Each structure stands twice: as structure tokens, then as C-alpha cells.
Amino acid sequence: MSIINTLAGLFWAVFCCPEIYCGGAVCVQINRKAALEELPTIIAAAERNNCRGDDFLILLAIRKAENGRPGREFGVLHPKALQQIDAEPKQSLDIQAGWAAATIVKNRLRWRNCIGADCDFINFLGNRYCPASADAEGNKNWKRNVRYWFEKFKNPGIAGN
């Protein structure tokens, strides 16, 4: 079985589970077909940025946790990313996935080089991706949600995940 088929099966089993995701006052019904259609774009963006292994699963977890509308699929709000999306709105998923993948990879390196890092990588990443200084509650929720979906992608067969 090819890696794409394996990932598609994993993505379908976890990302497309028949559920309603609620974040605060916003509830969104997961669209199964749209989620599978996103996978090749997300994989391509990950590959361009050398986002592999657990980092790729974190990328999928961020997509699931953010669950953003077009132009905000991964919750990337950097002005340069938003300018790119404004210029090429049909490429928003690719742009968002690319920025998110690059953020993961760059921060993995920072985390590894951080002497005495006393937190796990998702906490470290969350402090940069969704800083507490901008939104303390959002930071806490982001870490919890990304960790939940990362674990679900990492261990899709474990009951209770």
C-alpha cells in the first residue's frame, strides 16, 4: 500500500469521524469529502517544508484543531501569509498549510536547540503559534486541542482516543 493510501486511510479514520466539533460558541459539522480532498495539498505543503513524521501529524492536528474557513484553514494570521492569500485566494489551503508546516519545522529546531527546555514540543510550539500574551485562554485551548488530535492521529486504534 502506498504512503498516500495509508495517510488517506488514517486521515479518513481520524479527521473525518462523524462528529460535530465545537470550539466556544462555534460548532462545525466536519465535511468528509472536503477533508479527503485537502490531503494531497497538505502533503505537498508538508513535503516542501520537510515536515515529516510526528511533525506531519502535528500539522494534521493543527488543521483539525483550527478547523478554519478558507483563508484561515490552519489559523495562520501572519500578514505576509494573508497577503499571499489575498493575491491567490484559490491557493489558501496550500499557503496556510505551507506556513503552518514551516512554523512547525522551524520551531522543532528551536526547541531542540533550547538548552534546558522544560516543556514538551506541543507546549513549546503553542507558545509561538498561539501565544498566551495575545490570548491566554486560546493558548491553553490550542495546546489541549492540538495534543488531543496529535495523539488521535498517532494512535488511531486506541479506544478512548
Protein backbone atom coordinates (compact mmCIF):
# COMPACT_ATOMS: atom_id res chain seq x y z
CA MET A 1 0.00 0.00 0.00
CA SER A 2 1.39 3.40 -0.90
CA ILE A 3 2.13 6.04 1.71
CA ILE A 4 -0.64 8.22 0.21
CA ASN A 5 -3.20 5.42 0.67
CA THR A 6 -2.01 4.83 4.22
CA LEU A 7 -2.25 8.52 5.06
CA ALA A 8 -5.64 8.80 3.35
CA GLY A 9 -6.91 5.92 5.48
CA LEU A 10 -5.54 7.48 8.65
CA PHE A 11 -6.89 10.89 7.70
CA TRP A 12 -10.31 9.43 6.94
CA ALA A 13 -10.43 7.46 10.20
CA VAL A 14 -9.49 10.41 12.38
CA PHE A 15 -10.15 13.67 10.58
CA CYS A 16 -13.42 12.59 9.02
CA CYS A 17 -15.01 10.97 12.01
CA PRO A 18 -18.75 11.73 12.06
CA GLU A 19 -18.83 14.41 14.67
CA ILE A 20 -19.58 17.99 15.30
CA TYR A 21 -16.55 19.94 16.50
CA CYS A 22 -17.39 22.70 18.95
CA GLY A 23 -14.97 25.42 19.90
CA GLY A 24 -16.52 28.01 22.15
CA ALA A 25 -19.76 29.18 20.57
CA VAL A 26 -18.86 27.85 17.12
CA CYS A 27 -19.86 24.35 16.02
CA VAL A 28 -18.86 22.97 12.63
CA GLN A 29 -20.01 19.73 11.04
CA ILE A 30 -17.00 18.00 9.56
CA ASN A 31 -17.31 17.63 5.79
CA ARG A 32 -15.82 14.22 4.98
CA LYS A 33 -15.37 14.72 1.24
CA ALA A 34 -13.70 18.11 1.65
CA ALA A 35 -11.30 16.71 4.26
CA LEU A 36 -10.06 13.97 1.93
CA GLU A 37 -9.73 16.42 -0.93
CA GLU A 38 -7.42 18.54 1.25
CA LEU A 39 -4.96 15.73 1.94
CA PRO A 40 -2.82 15.94 -1.27
CA THR A 41 -2.40 19.70 -0.80
CA ILE A 42 -1.44 19.29 2.85
CA ILE A 43 1.04 16.51 1.99
CA ALA A 44 2.63 18.65 -0.75
CA ALA A 45 2.98 21.63 1.60
CA ALA A 46 4.49 19.37 4.26
CA GLU A 47 6.99 17.88 1.81
CA ARG A 48 8.08 21.32 0.56
CA ASN A 49 8.91 22.23 4.15
CA ASN A 50 10.43 18.88 5.22
CA CYS A 51 7.59 18.41 7.71
CA ARG A 52 7.64 14.66 8.32
CA GLY A 53 6.93 12.05 10.96
CA ASP A 54 5.46 13.43 14.18
CA ASP A 55 5.72 16.93 12.77
CA PHE A 56 3.41 15.93 9.90
CA LEU A 57 0.95 14.51 12.44
CA ILE A 58 1.14 17.81 14.34
CA LEU A 59 0.35 19.59 11.07
CA LEU A 60 -2.77 17.43 10.66
CA ALA A 61 -3.64 18.03 14.31
CA ILE A 62 -3.38 21.80 13.82
CA ARG A 63 -5.69 21.58 10.79
CA LYS A 64 -8.21 19.63 12.83
CA ALA A 65 -7.90 21.88 15.91
CA GLU A 66 -8.06 25.15 13.96
CA ASN A 67 -10.72 23.92 11.51
CA GLY A 68 -10.58 27.33 9.85
CA ARG A 69 -12.61 28.66 6.98
CA PRO A 70 -10.97 29.21 3.58
CA GLY A 71 -8.05 31.58 4.05
CA ARG A 72 -7.69 30.59 7.71
CA GLU A 73 -7.56 26.77 7.44
CA PHE A 74 -4.58 26.44 9.80
CA GLY A 75 -5.18 29.66 11.72
CA VAL A 76 -2.09 31.35 10.27
CA LEU A 77 -2.57 35.12 10.61
CA HIS A 78 0.88 36.40 9.67
CA PRO A 79 0.44 39.49 7.47
CA LYS A 80 2.66 38.08 4.69
CA ALA A 81 0.63 34.86 4.60
CA LEU A 82 -2.60 36.83 4.43
CA GLN A 83 -1.15 38.98 1.59
CA GLN A 84 -0.32 35.80 -0.33
CA ILE A 85 -3.86 34.54 0.20
CA ASP A 86 -5.32 37.86 -0.93
CA ALA A 87 -3.23 37.62 -4.10
CA GLU A 88 -4.14 33.95 -4.73
CA PRO A 89 -7.32 33.07 -2.81
CA LYS A 90 -7.72 29.71 -4.58
CA GLN A 91 -4.37 28.68 -3.08
CA SER A 92 -5.33 29.49 0.52
CA LEU A 93 -5.15 25.90 1.79
CA ASP A 94 -1.70 25.41 0.25
CA ILE A 95 -0.46 28.75 1.60
CA GLN A 96 -1.86 28.11 5.09
CA ALA A 97 -0.53 24.53 5.15
CA GLY A 98 2.89 25.71 3.96
CA TRP A 99 3.16 28.42 6.61
CA ALA A 100 1.99 26.02 9.32
CA ALA A 101 4.44 23.30 8.20
CA ALA A 102 7.33 25.80 8.11
CA THR A 103 6.38 27.05 11.58
CA ILE A 104 6.42 23.50 12.95
CA VAL A 105 9.79 22.65 11.38
CA LYS A 106 11.47 25.92 12.43
CA ASN A 107 10.19 25.61 15.98
CA ARG A 108 11.22 21.95 16.23
CA LEU A 109 14.78 23.12 15.56
CA ARG A 110 14.46 25.97 18.09
CA TRP A 111 13.06 23.52 20.65
CA ARG A 112 15.92 21.07 20.10
CA ASN A 113 18.48 23.88 20.45
CA CYS A 114 16.83 25.31 23.57
CA ILE A 115 19.09 24.38 26.45
CA GLY A 116 17.11 23.26 29.44
CA ALA A 117 13.77 23.21 27.61
CA ASP A 118 11.41 22.12 30.34
CA CYS A 119 8.34 21.53 28.21
CA ASP A 120 7.26 19.16 25.50
CA PHE A 121 7.23 20.25 21.89
CA ILE A 122 3.49 20.92 21.60
CA ASN A 123 3.68 23.31 24.59
CA PHE A 124 6.73 24.99 23.06
CA LEU A 125 5.03 25.29 19.66
CA GLY A 126 1.78 26.54 21.19
CA ASN A 127 3.62 29.39 22.89
CA ARG A 128 4.67 30.60 19.44
CA TYR A 129 1.72 29.57 17.29
CA CYS A 130 -0.92 30.91 19.67
CA PRO A 131 0.95 32.97 22.28
CA ALA A 132 -0.57 33.42 25.73
CA SER A 133 0.35 37.11 25.55
CA ALA A 134 -2.19 37.51 22.73
CA ASP A 135 -4.83 35.16 24.16
CA ALA A 136 -4.15 33.21 27.36
CA GLU A 137 -7.29 31.07 27.11
CA GLY A 138 -6.69 30.46 23.40
CA ASN A 139 -3.12 29.33 24.14
CA LYS A 140 -4.34 26.81 26.71
CA ASN A 141 -7.09 25.54 24.41
CA TRP A 142 -4.78 25.37 21.39
CA LYS A 143 -2.29 23.19 23.26
CA ARG A 144 -5.01 20.91 24.61
CA ASN A 145 -6.74 20.53 21.23
CA VAL A 146 -3.56 20.01 19.19
CA ARG A 147 -2.29 17.47 21.73
CA TYR A 148 -5.64 15.62 21.62
CA TRP A 149 -5.65 15.38 17.80
CA PHE A 150 -1.93 14.57 17.62
CA GLU A 151 -2.48 11.63 19.97
CA LYS A 152 -5.51 10.54 17.96
CA PHE A 153 -3.50 10.61 14.71
CA LYS A 154 -0.51 8.92 16.34
CA ASN A 155 -2.61 6.12 17.88
CA PRO A 156 -5.86 5.92 15.88
CA GLY A 157 -6.74 2.43 17.09
CA ILE A 158 -6.59 3.10 20.82
CA ALA A 159 -10.02 3.16 22.43
CA GLY A 160 -10.91 6.42 24.08
CA ASN A 161 -8.72 8.46 21.70
